[in-house]
Amino acid sequence: MTENIFLGLGSNKGNRIDYLKAAVSKIRADADTKLEKISSVYETEPYGLKEQNQFLNAVIQISSERTLMELHPWIKNLEKEIGRQEGPKWGPREIDIDLLFYNNTVYSSEKLTVPHREVLLRDFVLVPLKEIAPEFEHPVLKIKVSEISTSELEKLIIGKISAEL
């Protein structure tokens, strides 16, 4: 079973917390996946297209029997099952599940890049990631997540919310 798989969750359409909870629930119920850790939920300003609702974001750590090539399509299918509709890049979405890290794998293709190419640009990914896995080593930078600075990043996090996933 592959450990140290990190997924970023986000929603800014409809009942945002329910979409995040649905993602966690489906992942928890999957026989080939084990939910290891869940960060706090953060309310954030939109990234990319600014004229849209605020997001709720979290990061989860899972273990899975799936290979990287099996996990990515499974995640995309999961988004559809939960209710994601197609829309513009960085646009509003019911649920967004990003594969941030798959152990220490470094991989790039037309459809998938691991580590996620924008991890280091997003405080709403780095802050919850540091919360649940400060000792995890970024496979490219070769430093612990806790050592990655967020001081130069655009401040998109508004604050934690009290909901639990």
Protein backbone atom coordinates (compact mmCIF):
# COMPACT_ATOMS: atom_id res chain seq x y z
CA MET A 1 0.00 0.00 0.00
CA THR A 2 1.38 3.38 -1.01
CA GLU A 3 1.41 5.91 1.80
CA ASN A 4 2.02 9.66 1.80
CA ILE A 5 -0.48 10.47 -0.90
CA PHE A 6 -1.85 13.97 -0.40
CA LEU A 7 -5.01 15.33 -1.98
CA GLY A 8 -6.22 18.92 -2.01
CA LEU A 9 -9.98 19.36 -1.70
CA GLY A 10 -11.87 22.51 -2.69
CA SER A 11 -15.43 23.70 -3.29
CA ASN A 12 -17.10 27.04 -3.95
CA LYS A 13 -20.49 26.12 -5.43
CA GLY A 14 -23.64 25.01 -3.65
CA ASN A 15 -23.24 23.66 -0.13
CA ARG A 16 -19.45 23.75 -0.07
CA ILE A 17 -18.96 21.83 3.16
CA ASP A 18 -21.31 19.06 2.01
CA TYR A 19 -19.24 18.59 -1.16
CA LEU A 20 -16.04 18.30 0.89
CA LYS A 21 -17.73 15.87 3.28
CA ALA A 22 -18.98 13.79 0.33
CA ALA A 23 -15.42 13.51 -1.00
CA VAL A 24 -14.06 12.41 2.38
CA SER A 25 -16.95 9.97 2.84
CA LYS A 26 -16.42 8.32 -0.57
CA ILE A 27 -12.66 8.08 0.00
CA ARG A 28 -13.22 6.64 3.47
CA ALA A 29 -15.63 4.02 2.04
CA ASP A 30 -13.29 2.88 -0.75
CA ALA A 31 -11.81 -0.58 -0.18
CA ASP A 32 -8.49 0.28 -1.88
CA THR A 33 -7.94 3.50 0.05
CA LYS A 34 -7.29 4.36 3.68
CA LEU A 35 -7.88 7.87 4.96
CA GLU A 36 -4.91 8.75 7.16
CA LYS A 37 -5.27 12.43 8.14
CA ILE A 38 -7.56 15.40 7.48
CA SER A 39 -6.53 19.03 7.87
CA SER A 40 -8.71 21.81 9.17
CA VAL A 41 -11.06 23.42 6.66
CA TYR A 42 -10.01 26.87 5.46
CA GLU A 43 -12.14 29.52 3.80
CA THR A 44 -10.16 31.13 1.00
CA GLU A 45 -10.34 33.78 -1.66
CA PRO A 46 -10.57 32.36 -5.20
CA TYR A 47 -7.35 31.56 -7.07
CA GLY A 48 -7.10 32.43 -10.75
CA LEU A 49 -10.52 33.80 -11.67
CA LYS A 50 -11.25 36.26 -8.86
CA GLU A 51 -14.93 37.02 -9.65
CA GLN A 52 -16.48 34.01 -7.94
CA ASN A 53 -17.52 32.75 -4.51
CA GLN A 54 -15.02 32.01 -1.77
CA PHE A 55 -13.73 28.45 -1.51
CA LEU A 56 -13.53 25.97 1.30
CA ASN A 57 -10.25 24.04 1.11
CA ALA A 58 -8.62 21.18 3.00
CA VAL A 59 -5.82 18.67 2.49
CA ILE A 60 -6.09 14.97 3.26
CA GLN A 61 -3.50 12.23 3.47
CA ILE A 62 -4.40 8.79 2.18
CA SER A 63 -2.81 5.41 1.58
CA SER A 64 -3.90 3.46 -1.48
CA GLU A 65 -3.44 0.18 -3.30
CA ARG A 66 -3.73 2.14 -6.56
CA THR A 67 -0.71 3.02 -8.65
CA LEU A 68 -0.27 6.64 -9.71
CA MET A 69 -1.73 5.81 -13.13
CA GLU A 70 -4.78 4.21 -11.50
CA LEU A 71 -5.27 6.87 -8.83
CA HIS A 72 -5.55 9.91 -11.10
CA PRO A 73 -8.53 8.65 -13.18
CA TRP A 74 -10.16 7.33 -9.99
CA ILE A 75 -9.98 10.86 -8.49
CA LYS A 76 -11.44 12.43 -11.66
CA ASN A 77 -14.28 9.88 -11.60
CA LEU A 78 -14.86 10.59 -7.91
CA GLU A 79 -15.31 14.29 -8.70
CA LYS A 80 -18.00 13.40 -11.26
CA GLU A 81 -19.76 11.03 -8.82
CA ILE A 82 -19.90 13.82 -6.23
CA GLY A 83 -21.43 16.22 -8.75
CA ARG A 84 -18.67 18.18 -10.45
CA GLN A 85 -19.78 19.90 -13.65
CA GLU A 86 -17.34 20.94 -16.37
CA GLY A 87 -16.36 24.60 -16.29
CA PRO A 88 -13.54 27.03 -17.01
CA LYS A 89 -10.05 26.54 -15.59
CA TRP A 90 -9.91 28.06 -12.10
CA GLY A 91 -13.65 28.64 -12.34
CA PRO A 92 -16.37 27.81 -9.83
CA ARG A 93 -16.71 24.14 -8.96
CA GLU A 94 -18.78 21.88 -6.81
CA ILE A 95 -15.75 19.78 -5.90
CA ASP A 96 -12.12 19.85 -6.90
CA ILE A 97 -9.76 17.07 -5.87
CA ASP A 98 -6.12 17.66 -6.77
CA LEU A 99 -3.41 15.02 -6.47
CA LEU A 100 -0.68 16.99 -4.71
CA PHE A 101 1.90 14.31 -3.91
CA TYR A 102 2.21 10.57 -4.49
CA ASN A 103 4.96 9.54 -2.06
CA ASN A 104 8.26 10.81 -3.42
CA THR A 105 7.23 10.32 -7.06
CA VAL A 106 8.20 12.96 -9.60
CA TYR A 107 6.20 12.51 -12.81
CA SER A 108 5.01 14.70 -15.66
CA SER A 109 2.79 14.06 -18.66
CA GLU A 110 0.23 16.02 -20.64
CA LYS A 111 -2.55 15.11 -18.17
CA LEU A 112 -0.74 14.82 -14.85
CA THR A 113 2.17 16.37 -13.00
CA VAL A 114 3.26 15.12 -9.57
CA PRO A 115 4.06 16.92 -7.37
CA HIS A 116 1.20 19.20 -8.43
CA ARG A 117 2.86 22.09 -10.27
CA GLU A 118 1.12 24.80 -8.23
CA VAL A 119 1.58 23.42 -4.69
CA LEU A 120 4.29 25.96 -3.95
CA LEU A 121 2.11 28.87 -5.14
CA ARG A 122 -0.93 28.24 -2.95
CA ASP A 123 -1.12 29.07 0.74
CA PHE A 124 -4.44 27.20 0.90
CA VAL A 125 -2.51 24.02 0.05
CA LEU A 126 0.72 24.59 1.97
CA VAL A 127 -0.84 25.72 5.26
CA PRO A 128 -3.14 22.67 5.67
CA LEU A 129 -0.38 20.39 4.36
CA LYS A 130 1.99 21.71 7.04
CA GLU A 131 -0.75 21.10 9.60
CA ILE A 132 -1.04 17.36 8.86
CA ALA A 133 2.41 16.45 7.49
CA PRO A 134 5.11 18.92 8.56
CA GLU A 135 7.83 16.24 8.25
CA PHE A 136 6.89 15.17 4.70
CA GLU A 137 9.78 15.91 2.34
CA HIS A 138 9.02 17.60 -0.97
CA PRO A 139 10.49 15.17 -3.54
CA VAL A 140 11.92 17.91 -5.75
CA LEU A 141 13.04 20.51 -3.19
CA LYS A 142 14.32 17.82 -0.79
CA ILE A 143 13.16 19.83 2.24
CA LYS A 144 10.41 19.23 4.77
CA VAL A 145 7.06 20.83 4.08
CA SER A 146 7.42 22.69 7.39
CA GLU A 147 10.50 24.44 5.95
CA ILE A 148 8.71 25.80 2.87
CA SER A 149 7.96 29.49 3.34
CA THR A 150 4.53 30.91 2.61
CA SER A 151 5.56 34.50 3.33
CA GLU A 152 5.94 35.48 -0.34
CA LEU A 153 2.67 33.86 -1.45
CA GLU A 154 -0.53 35.71 -2.21
CA LYS A 155 -2.57 35.52 1.01
CA LEU A 156 -5.76 33.73 -0.03
CA ILE A 157 -6.66 32.10 3.29
CA ILE A 158 -9.33 34.08 5.12
CA GLY A 159 -9.36 31.73 8.11
CA LYS A 160 -10.22 28.31 9.51
CA ILE A 161 -13.84 27.35 9.85
CA SER A 162 -15.17 25.18 12.65
CA ALA A 163 -16.57 22.39 10.43
CA GLU A 164 -15.01 18.95 10.51
CA LEU A 165 -14.79 16.53 7.61
